[in-house]
Amino acid sequence: MKVRPLGNRVLVEPVEEKEAMVGGIYIPDAAKEKPIKGKILALGKKYDEDHKEIPFDVKVGDEVLLPKYGGTEVKIGDKKLQIVREDDLLGVIG
C-alpha cells in the first residue's frame, strides 16, 4: 500500500536501536525509549501564501532526528511508521 502524507508532513520509518543490555539484563520493550532516528519514506506537498509549491528541506531517503514526543504513529501492513510535520523534525543526519 502506498501512502502520501498531506500538506507539509513527511512519512518516517523509525530506526529501532539494537537490543540493549544493561549489566547483563535485557531491557523490556515497555521500558525502552521511543526511537529518535528515522528514515524518510514519503513527502507531502508544501505551498507558500500564493499557492506555489515549494521544496522540502529534506528528501526521501534522508535519515532524520525525530522529536521524542509528537507526530502520529500509524501501522501500515506490519510496519509502524510516523507522520510528522517537517517543521517538527530536529535535523538531518549525515
N, C-alpha and C. Protein backbone atom coordinates (compact mmCIF):
# COMPACT_ATOMS: atom_id res chain seq x y z
N MET A 1 0.85 -1.18 0.00
CA MET A 1 0.00 0.00 0.00
C MET A 1 0.89 1.24 0.00
N LYS A 2 0.57 2.19 -0.87
CA LYS A 2 1.31 3.45 -0.94
C LYS A 2 0.60 4.51 -0.12
N VAL A 3 1.38 5.29 0.61
CA VAL A 3 0.82 6.38 1.41
C VAL A 3 1.60 7.65 1.08
N ARG A 4 0.87 8.73 0.80
CA ARG A 4 1.49 10.04 0.59
C ARG A 4 0.92 10.97 1.64
N PRO A 5 1.78 11.51 2.51
CA PRO A 5 1.28 12.44 3.52
C PRO A 5 0.72 13.70 2.87
N LEU A 6 -0.18 14.36 3.57
CA LEU A 6 -0.78 15.60 3.07
C LEU A 6 -0.06 16.80 3.66
N GLY A 7 -0.09 17.90 2.94
CA GLY A 7 0.48 19.15 3.43
C GLY A 7 1.98 19.04 3.62
N ASN A 8 2.47 19.72 4.66
CA ASN A 8 3.92 19.76 4.90
C ASN A 8 4.36 18.62 5.83
N ARG A 9 3.74 17.45 5.69
CA ARG A 9 4.07 16.32 6.53
C ARG A 9 4.97 15.33 5.78
N VAL A 10 5.72 14.55 6.55
CA VAL A 10 6.58 13.52 5.99
C VAL A 10 6.25 12.19 6.65
N LEU A 11 6.42 11.11 5.91
CA LEU A 11 6.22 9.75 6.43
C LEU A 11 7.59 9.21 6.77
N VAL A 12 7.76 8.80 8.03
CA VAL A 12 9.07 8.38 8.52
C VAL A 12 8.98 6.97 9.09
N GLU A 13 9.98 6.15 8.78
CA GLU A 13 10.10 4.83 9.38
C GLU A 13 11.13 4.96 10.50
N PRO A 14 10.69 4.87 11.78
CA PRO A 14 11.64 4.96 12.88
C PRO A 14 12.67 3.84 12.81
N VAL A 15 13.92 4.18 13.11
CA VAL A 15 15.00 3.21 13.12
C VAL A 15 15.15 2.71 14.55
N GLU A 16 14.86 1.44 14.75
CA GLU A 16 14.95 0.85 16.09
C GLU A 16 16.42 0.64 16.45
N GLU A 17 16.76 0.94 17.68
CA GLU A 17 18.10 0.68 18.17
C GLU A 17 18.24 -0.82 18.43
N LYS A 18 19.46 -1.31 18.41
CA LYS A 18 19.68 -2.73 18.66
C LYS A 18 19.30 -3.06 20.10
N GLU A 19 19.03 -4.35 20.33
CA GLU A 19 18.63 -4.82 21.66
C GLU A 19 19.64 -4.35 22.70
N ALA A 20 19.17 -3.71 23.74
CA ALA A 20 20.05 -3.14 24.75
C ALA A 20 20.15 -4.04 25.98
N MET A 21 21.36 -4.13 26.49
CA MET A 21 21.59 -4.86 27.74
C MET A 21 22.27 -3.90 28.69
N VAL A 22 21.82 -3.89 29.92
CA VAL A 22 22.44 -3.07 30.95
C VAL A 22 22.85 -4.01 32.07
N GLY A 23 24.15 -4.14 32.28
CA GLY A 23 24.64 -5.02 33.34
C GLY A 23 24.21 -6.47 33.14
N GLY A 24 24.10 -6.91 31.90
CA GLY A 24 23.72 -8.29 31.63
C GLY A 24 22.22 -8.54 31.67
N ILE A 25 21.41 -7.49 31.83
CA ILE A 25 19.95 -7.62 31.89
C ILE A 25 19.36 -6.98 30.65
N TYR A 26 18.47 -7.72 29.98
CA TYR A 26 17.79 -7.18 28.81
C TYR A 26 16.74 -6.16 29.25
N ILE A 27 16.65 -5.06 28.52
CA ILE A 27 15.65 -4.03 28.79
C ILE A 27 14.35 -4.44 28.10
N PRO A 28 13.23 -4.56 28.82
CA PRO A 28 11.97 -4.93 28.16
C PRO A 28 11.48 -3.82 27.24
N ASP A 29 10.67 -4.20 26.24
CA ASP A 29 10.17 -3.23 25.27
C ASP A 29 9.44 -2.07 25.92
N ALA A 30 8.69 -2.33 26.98
CA ALA A 30 7.92 -1.27 27.64
C ALA A 30 8.82 -0.21 28.25
N ALA A 31 10.04 -0.58 28.62
CA ALA A 31 10.95 0.37 29.27
C ALA A 31 11.86 1.08 28.28
N LYS A 32 11.86 0.64 27.04
CA LYS A 32 12.72 1.27 26.04
C LYS A 32 12.17 2.63 25.65
N GLU A 33 13.09 3.52 25.32
CA GLU A 33 12.66 4.84 24.85
C GLU A 33 12.26 4.76 23.39
N LYS A 34 11.39 5.66 23.00
CA LYS A 34 10.93 5.76 21.63
C LYS A 34 12.12 6.13 20.74
N PRO A 35 12.24 5.52 19.54
CA PRO A 35 13.36 5.87 18.65
C PRO A 35 13.35 7.35 18.29
N ILE A 36 14.53 7.92 18.21
CA ILE A 36 14.59 9.33 17.83
C ILE A 36 15.20 9.52 16.45
N LYS A 37 15.53 8.41 15.78
CA LYS A 37 16.04 8.50 14.41
C LYS A 37 15.06 7.80 13.49
N GLY A 38 15.02 8.26 12.24
CA GLY A 38 14.14 7.62 11.28
C GLY A 38 14.57 7.92 9.86
N LYS A 39 14.00 7.16 8.92
CA LYS A 39 14.29 7.34 7.51
C LYS A 39 13.03 7.82 6.81
N ILE A 40 13.16 8.87 6.01
CA ILE A 40 12.01 9.45 5.32
C ILE A 40 11.61 8.55 4.14
N LEU A 41 10.32 8.17 4.12
CA LEU A 41 9.80 7.30 3.07
C LEU A 41 9.00 8.08 2.03
N ALA A 42 8.32 9.15 2.44
CA ALA A 42 7.48 9.91 1.51
C ALA A 42 7.30 11.34 2.02
N LEU A 43 7.04 12.25 1.08
CA LEU A 43 6.82 13.67 1.40
C LEU A 43 5.45 14.08 0.89
N GLY A 44 4.84 15.04 1.58
CA GLY A 44 3.60 15.64 1.10
C GLY A 44 3.93 16.72 0.09
N LYS A 45 3.09 17.74 0.02
CA LYS A 45 3.36 18.89 -0.85
C LYS A 45 3.22 20.15 -0.02
N LYS A 46 4.17 21.04 -0.16
CA LYS A 46 4.22 22.25 0.64
C LYS A 46 3.99 23.45 -0.28
N TYR A 47 3.14 24.39 0.18
CA TYR A 47 2.79 25.56 -0.63
C TYR A 47 3.04 26.84 0.16
N ASP A 48 3.37 27.92 -0.57
CA ASP A 48 3.51 29.23 0.08
C ASP A 48 2.16 29.96 0.05
N GLU A 49 2.17 31.24 0.45
CA GLU A 49 0.93 32.01 0.54
C GLU A 49 0.25 32.20 -0.82
N ASP A 50 1.04 32.17 -1.89
CA ASP A 50 0.50 32.35 -3.24
C ASP A 50 0.11 31.01 -3.89
N HIS A 51 0.09 29.96 -3.09
CA HIS A 51 -0.27 28.60 -3.54
C HIS A 51 0.70 28.05 -4.57
N LYS A 52 1.96 28.49 -4.49
CA LYS A 52 3.00 27.93 -5.33
C LYS A 52 3.72 26.85 -4.52
N GLU A 53 3.97 25.71 -5.18
CA GLU A 53 4.64 24.61 -4.48
C GLU A 53 6.08 24.99 -4.17
N ILE A 54 6.51 24.72 -2.94
CA ILE A 54 7.89 25.00 -2.55
C ILE A 54 8.54 23.68 -2.11
N PRO A 55 9.85 23.56 -2.30
CA PRO A 55 10.51 22.29 -1.98
C PRO A 55 10.68 22.10 -0.46
N PHE A 56 10.77 20.85 -0.07
CA PHE A 56 11.06 20.49 1.31
C PHE A 56 12.56 20.66 1.56
N ASP A 57 12.94 20.82 2.82
CA ASP A 57 14.36 20.87 3.20
C ASP A 57 14.96 19.48 3.28
N VAL A 58 14.13 18.45 3.29
CA VAL A 58 14.58 17.05 3.36
C VAL A 58 14.11 16.33 2.10
N LYS A 59 14.66 15.14 1.87
CA LYS A 59 14.24 14.35 0.71
C LYS A 59 14.04 12.90 1.13
N VAL A 60 13.37 12.15 0.29
CA VAL A 60 13.14 10.73 0.56
C VAL A 60 14.49 10.04 0.70
N GLY A 61 14.63 9.23 1.73
CA GLY A 61 15.88 8.51 1.98
C GLY A 61 16.74 9.16 3.04
N ASP A 62 16.49 10.44 3.37
CA ASP A 62 17.27 11.11 4.42
C ASP A 62 17.03 10.45 5.77
N GLU A 63 18.09 10.37 6.58
CA GLU A 63 17.94 9.91 7.95
C GLU A 63 17.82 11.16 8.81
N VAL A 64 16.76 11.22 9.62
CA VAL A 64 16.46 12.44 10.37
C VAL A 64 16.32 12.15 11.86
N LEU A 65 16.44 13.21 12.64
CA LEU A 65 16.20 13.15 14.08
C LEU A 65 14.75 13.53 14.33
N LEU A 66 14.04 12.67 15.05
CA LEU A 66 12.62 12.90 15.34
C LEU A 66 12.44 13.48 16.73
N PRO A 67 11.37 14.21 16.95
CA PRO A 67 11.09 14.68 18.31
C PRO A 67 10.72 13.48 19.19
N LYS A 68 11.06 13.57 20.46
CA LYS A 68 10.75 12.46 21.38
C LYS A 68 9.24 12.26 21.49
N TYR A 69 8.51 13.34 21.51
CA TYR A 69 7.04 13.28 21.57
C TYR A 69 6.51 14.06 20.39
N GLY A 70 5.45 13.59 19.81
CA GLY A 70 4.86 14.29 18.68
C GLY A 70 4.74 13.37 17.48
N GLY A 71 4.12 13.88 16.45
CA GLY A 71 3.87 13.06 15.28
C GLY A 71 2.71 12.10 15.55
N THR A 72 2.33 11.38 14.54
CA THR A 72 1.24 10.42 14.66
C THR A 72 1.74 9.06 14.21
N GLU A 73 1.61 8.08 15.10
CA GLU A 73 2.01 6.72 14.74
C GLU A 73 0.92 6.07 13.92
N VAL A 74 1.32 5.40 12.84
CA VAL A 74 0.38 4.66 12.00
C VAL A 74 0.99 3.29 11.73
N LYS A 75 0.12 2.32 11.53
CA LYS A 75 0.59 0.97 11.21
C LYS A 75 0.11 0.65 9.80
N ILE A 76 1.05 0.42 8.92
CA ILE A 76 0.74 0.09 7.53
C ILE A 76 1.36 -1.28 7.26
N GLY A 77 0.50 -2.25 7.03
CA GLY A 77 0.98 -3.62 6.90
C GLY A 77 1.53 -4.07 8.24
N ASP A 78 2.76 -4.49 8.27
CA ASP A 78 3.37 -4.90 9.53
C ASP A 78 4.38 -3.87 10.04
N LYS A 79 4.43 -2.70 9.39
CA LYS A 79 5.38 -1.65 9.79
C LYS A 79 4.71 -0.58 10.63
N LYS A 80 5.42 -0.13 11.66
CA LYS A 80 4.97 1.02 12.46
C LYS A 80 5.70 2.24 11.93
N LEU A 81 4.94 3.20 11.42
CA LEU A 81 5.52 4.41 10.84
C LEU A 81 5.01 5.63 11.59
N GLN A 82 5.62 6.77 11.31
CA GLN A 82 5.18 8.03 11.92
C GLN A 82 4.96 9.07 10.82
N ILE A 83 3.92 9.86 11.02
CA ILE A 83 3.70 11.03 10.16
C ILE A 83 4.00 12.25 11.01
N VAL A 84 4.94 13.06 10.54
CA VAL A 84 5.45 14.20 11.31
C VAL A 84 5.46 15.43 10.40
N ARG A 85 5.16 16.59 10.96
CA ARG A 85 5.31 17.84 10.20
C ARG A 85 6.80 18.09 9.97
N GLU A 86 7.12 18.61 8.80
CA GLU A 86 8.53 18.89 8.50
C GLU A 86 9.12 19.85 9.54
N ASP A 87 8.33 20.81 10.01
CA ASP A 87 8.80 21.78 10.99
C ASP A 87 9.18 21.11 12.32
N ASP A 88 8.62 19.93 12.60
CA ASP A 88 8.91 19.26 13.87
C ASP A 88 10.16 18.40 13.82
N LEU A 89 10.70 18.14 12.61
CA LEU A 89 11.95 17.38 12.51
C LEU A 89 13.06 18.21 13.13
N LEU A 90 13.98 17.53 13.82
CA LEU A 90 15.04 18.23 14.54
C LEU A 90 16.30 18.41 13.72
N GLY A 91 16.53 17.54 12.76
CA GLY A 91 17.74 17.67 11.94
C GLY A 91 17.90 16.49 11.00
N VAL A 92 18.86 16.64 10.09
CA VAL A 92 19.20 15.59 9.13
C VAL A 92 20.55 15.02 9.54
N ILE A 93 20.67 13.69 9.58
CA ILE A 93 21.92 13.03 9.96
C ILE A 93 22.73 12.79 8.69
N GLY A 94 24.00 13.15 8.74
CA GLY A 94 24.89 12.85 7.62
C GLY A 94 25.23 13.96 6.78
